[in-house]
Amino acid sequence: MPRLAKREDPQTQNSVSHMGYDQRTNNFGQLVELLQNTPNYTPNETEYQIATLLSEKDKMLQVTQAVADTFIPLGIARGARNKIMYQDTNNLVDTFNKAKDYLFTILDSNSPQYKAISKIRFRKA
């Protein structure tokens, strides 16, 4: 039986279909450039005119840049959150599980509070 190839981590893969946001913006820009150099391209509809297409390309570039500008701070914030929740000495998961164990010692196992607390699960990622 043939072995299946191991899937690469999606964050380390490059889009071979050129469907990433940067590639789409570049492809759109090339299309607009091609249309600019086509003498017979003079649509009556505003949405297909060169000025509108260039404006749309600029919007695409701005949005893509905004995502790029927030990507690194978001990663840093997620790392800090994960440290607090899972890695610190007094992390939230361990603290909750200790509190849960304590509550089990003082509550009656048939009480609604005990049953509600027992359903809550905290695990380290």
C-alpha atoms as a PDB file:
ATOM      1  CA  MET A   1       0.000   0.000   0.000  1.00  0.00           C
ATOM      2  CA  PRO A   2       1.561   3.341  -0.969  1.00  0.00           C
ATOM      3  CA  ARG A   3       2.278   5.834   1.774  1.00  0.00           C
ATOM      4  CA  LEU A   4       0.571   9.165   1.639  1.00  0.00           C
ATOM      5  CA  ALA A   5       2.798  12.197   1.554  1.00  0.00           C
ATOM      6  CA  LYS A   6       2.816  14.195   4.758  1.00  0.00           C
ATOM      7  CA  ARG A   7       0.947  17.482   4.411  1.00  0.00           C
ATOM      8  CA  GLU A   8       3.058  20.538   4.878  1.00  0.00           C
ATOM      9  CA  ASP A   9       2.148  23.108   7.493  1.00  0.00           C
ATOM     10  CA  PRO A  10      -0.196  25.562   5.722  1.00  0.00           C
ATOM     11  CA  GLN A  11       1.782  28.511   7.076  1.00  0.00           C
ATOM     12  CA  THR A  12       4.951  27.344   5.333  1.00  0.00           C
ATOM     13  CA  GLN A  13       3.352  26.473   2.000  1.00  0.00           C
ATOM     14  CA  ASN A  14       3.433  28.799  -0.948  1.00  0.00           C
ATOM     15  CA  SER A  15       0.399  29.082  -3.155  1.00  0.00           C
ATOM     16  CA  VAL A  16       1.219  27.379  -6.425  1.00  0.00           C
ATOM     17  CA  SER A  17      -2.118  28.407  -7.922  1.00  0.00           C
ATOM     18  CA  HIS A  18      -1.325  32.111  -7.455  1.00  0.00           C
ATOM     19  CA  MET A  19      -4.533  32.610  -5.497  1.00  0.00           C
ATOM     20  CA  GLY A  20      -2.974  34.401  -2.530  1.00  0.00           C
ATOM     21  CA  TYR A  21      -4.046  37.980  -1.920  1.00  0.00           C
ATOM     22  CA  ASP A  22      -0.763  39.438  -3.143  1.00  0.00           C
ATOM     23  CA  GLN A  23      -0.866  37.316  -6.284  1.00  0.00           C
ATOM     24  CA  ARG A  24      -4.496  38.233  -6.944  1.00  0.00           C
ATOM     25  CA  THR A  25      -3.691  41.920  -6.616  1.00  0.00           C
ATOM     26  CA  ASN A  26      -0.693  41.540  -8.930  1.00  0.00           C
ATOM     27  CA  ASN A  27      -2.738  39.579 -11.464  1.00  0.00           C
ATOM     28  CA  PHE A  28      -5.493  42.189 -11.324  1.00  0.00           C
ATOM     29  CA  GLY A  29      -2.894  44.930 -11.863  1.00  0.00           C
ATOM     30  CA  GLN A  30      -1.515  43.090 -14.887  1.00  0.00           C
ATOM     31  CA  LEU A  31      -5.013  42.745 -16.314  1.00  0.00           C
ATOM     32  CA  VAL A  32      -5.651  46.476 -15.881  1.00  0.00           C
ATOM     33  CA  GLU A  33      -2.298  47.231 -17.512  1.00  0.00           C
ATOM     34  CA  LEU A  34      -3.206  44.995 -20.439  1.00  0.00           C
ATOM     35  CA  LEU A  35      -6.548  46.777 -20.797  1.00  0.00           C
ATOM     36  CA  GLN A  36      -4.813  50.178 -20.682  1.00  0.00           C
ATOM     37  CA  ASN A  37      -2.652  49.110 -23.615  1.00  0.00           C
ATOM     38  CA  THR A  38      -5.623  47.823 -25.618  1.00  0.00           C
ATOM     39  CA  PRO A  39      -6.743  50.696 -27.868  1.00  0.00           C
ATOM     40  CA  ASN A  40     -10.264  49.304 -28.477  1.00  0.00           C
ATOM     41  CA  TYR A  41     -11.047  48.930 -24.789  1.00  0.00           C
ATOM     42  CA  THR A  42     -13.479  51.768 -24.104  1.00  0.00           C
ATOM     43  CA  PRO A  43     -16.398  50.418 -22.060  1.00  0.00           C
ATOM     44  CA  ASN A  44     -19.448  52.585 -21.405  1.00  0.00           C
ATOM     45  CA  GLU A  45     -20.078  51.045 -17.974  1.00  0.00           C
ATOM     46  CA  THR A  46     -18.313  52.977 -15.216  1.00  0.00           C
ATOM     47  CA  GLU A  47     -17.451  49.832 -13.276  1.00  0.00           C
ATOM     48  CA  TYR A  48     -15.337  48.523 -16.187  1.00  0.00           C
ATOM     49  CA  GLN A  49     -13.501  51.742 -17.045  1.00  0.00           C
ATOM     50  CA  ILE A  50      -9.763  51.947 -16.418  1.00  0.00           C
ATOM     51  CA  ALA A  51     -10.042  54.626 -13.706  1.00  0.00           C
ATOM     52  CA  THR A  52     -12.491  52.471 -11.727  1.00  0.00           C
ATOM     53  CA  LEU A  53     -10.322  49.385 -12.113  1.00  0.00           C
ATOM     54  CA  LEU A  54      -7.228  51.296 -10.965  1.00  0.00           C
ATOM     55  CA  SER A  55      -9.159  52.591  -7.957  1.00  0.00           C
ATOM     56  CA  GLU A  56     -10.204  49.028  -7.123  1.00  0.00           C
ATOM     57  CA  LYS A  57      -6.594  47.863  -7.397  1.00  0.00           C
ATOM     58  CA  ASP A  58      -5.518  50.636  -4.996  1.00  0.00           C
ATOM     59  CA  LYS A  59      -8.188  49.536  -2.515  1.00  0.00           C
ATOM     60  CA  MET A  60      -6.964  45.947  -2.779  1.00  0.00           C
ATOM     61  CA  LEU A  61      -3.391  47.082  -2.076  1.00  0.00           C
ATOM     62  CA  GLN A  62      -4.479  49.158   0.937  1.00  0.00           C
ATOM     63  CA  VAL A  63      -6.457  46.312   2.488  1.00  0.00           C
ATOM     64  CA  THR A  64      -3.652  43.820   1.899  1.00  0.00           C
ATOM     65  CA  GLN A  65      -1.182  46.231   3.509  1.00  0.00           C
ATOM     66  CA  ALA A  66      -3.498  46.718   6.493  1.00  0.00           C
ATOM     67  CA  VAL A  67      -3.550  42.950   7.018  1.00  0.00           C
ATOM     68  CA  ALA A  68       0.233  42.788   6.745  1.00  0.00           C
ATOM     69  CA  ASP A  69       0.598  45.642   9.253  1.00  0.00           C
ATOM     70  CA  THR A  70      -1.572  43.893  11.845  1.00  0.00           C
ATOM     71  CA  PHE A  71      -0.257  40.355  11.315  1.00  0.00           C
ATOM     72  CA  ILE A  72       2.895  40.666  13.467  1.00  0.00           C
ATOM     73  CA  PRO A  73       1.230  42.468  16.420  1.00  0.00           C
ATOM     74  CA  LEU A  74      -1.545  39.867  16.324  1.00  0.00           C
ATOM     75  CA  GLY A  75       1.001  37.051  16.505  1.00  0.00           C
ATOM     76  CA  ILE A  76       2.735  38.729  19.446  1.00  0.00           C
ATOM     77  CA  ALA A  77      -0.579  39.208  21.266  1.00  0.00           C
ATOM     78  CA  ARG A  78      -1.525  35.564  20.688  1.00  0.00           C
ATOM     79  CA  GLY A  79       1.840  34.445  22.024  1.00  0.00           C
ATOM     80  CA  ALA A  80       1.385  36.543  25.177  1.00  0.00           C
ATOM     81  CA  ARG A  81      -2.135  35.154  25.634  1.00  0.00           C
ATOM     82  CA  ASN A  82      -0.911  31.574  25.241  1.00  0.00           C
ATOM     83  CA  LYS A  83       1.869  32.167  27.754  1.00  0.00           C
ATOM     84  CA  ILE A  84      -0.614  33.417  30.356  1.00  0.00           C
ATOM     85  CA  MET A  85      -3.141  30.683  29.680  1.00  0.00           C
ATOM     86  CA  TYR A  86      -0.856  27.661  29.286  1.00  0.00           C
ATOM     87  CA  GLN A  87       2.816  28.238  30.116  1.00  0.00           C
ATOM     88  CA  ASP A  88       3.268  30.554  33.112  1.00  0.00           C
ATOM     89  CA  THR A  89       3.774  29.070  36.561  1.00  0.00           C
ATOM     90  CA  ASN A  90       0.325  30.236  37.630  1.00  0.00           C
ATOM     91  CA  ASN A  91      -1.349  29.713  34.266  1.00  0.00           C
ATOM     92  CA  LEU A  92      -5.107  29.952  33.934  1.00  0.00           C
ATOM     93  CA  VAL A  93      -5.672  26.313  33.019  1.00  0.00           C
ATOM     94  CA  ASP A  94      -3.862  24.947  36.074  1.00  0.00           C
ATOM     95  CA  THR A  95      -5.474  27.562  38.326  1.00  0.00           C
ATOM     96  CA  PHE A  96      -8.944  26.658  37.084  1.00  0.00           C
ATOM     97  CA  ASN A  97      -8.351  22.940  37.465  1.00  0.00           C
ATOM     98  CA  LYS A  98      -7.101  23.424  41.052  1.00  0.00           C
ATOM     99  CA  ALA A  99     -10.175  25.528  41.855  1.00  0.00           C
ATOM    100  CA  LYS A 100     -12.375  22.888  40.277  1.00  0.00           C
ATOM    101  CA  ASP A 101     -10.755  20.164  42.412  1.00  0.00           C
ATOM    102  CA  TYR A 102     -11.295  22.267  45.532  1.00  0.00           C
ATOM    103  CA  LEU A 103     -14.953  22.838  44.683  1.00  0.00           C
ATOM    104  CA  PHE A 104     -15.442  19.100  44.245  1.00  0.00           C
ATOM    105  CA  THR A 105     -14.261  18.570  47.834  1.00  0.00           C
ATOM    106  CA  ILE A 106     -16.821  20.987  49.285  1.00  0.00           C
ATOM    107  CA  LEU A 107     -19.833  20.313  47.040  1.00  0.00           C
ATOM    108  CA  ASP A 108     -22.222  17.417  47.173  1.00  0.00           C
ATOM    109  CA  SER A 109     -21.754  15.231  44.085  1.00  0.00           C
ATOM    110  CA  ASN A 110     -25.511  15.331  43.414  1.00  0.00           C
ATOM    111  CA  SER A 111     -25.785  19.127  43.566  1.00  0.00           C
ATOM    112  CA  PRO A 112     -26.537  21.130  40.403  1.00  0.00           C
ATOM    113  CA  GLN A 113     -23.392  23.230  41.007  1.00  0.00           C
ATOM    114  CA  TYR A 114     -21.202  20.117  41.079  1.00  0.00           C
ATOM    115  CA  LYS A 115     -22.786  18.815  37.874  1.00  0.00           C
ATOM    116  CA  ALA A 116     -22.388  22.169  36.121  1.00  0.00           C
ATOM    117  CA  ILE A 117     -18.734  22.527  37.142  1.00  0.00           C
ATOM    118  CA  SER A 118     -17.886  18.940  36.212  1.00  0.00           C
ATOM    119  CA  LYS A 119     -18.926  19.623  32.599  1.00  0.00           C
ATOM    120  CA  ILE A 120     -16.442  22.472  32.167  1.00  0.00           C
ATOM    121  CA  ARG A 121     -13.164  21.275  30.643  1.00  0.00           C
ATOM    122  CA  PHE A 122      -9.901  23.210  30.502  1.00  0.00           C
ATOM    123  CA  ARG A 123      -6.964  21.625  28.681  1.00  0.00           C
ATOM    124  CA  LYS A 124      -3.572  22.843  27.682  1.00  0.00           C
ATOM    125  CA  ALA A 125      -3.285  23.332  23.948  1.00  0.00           C
END
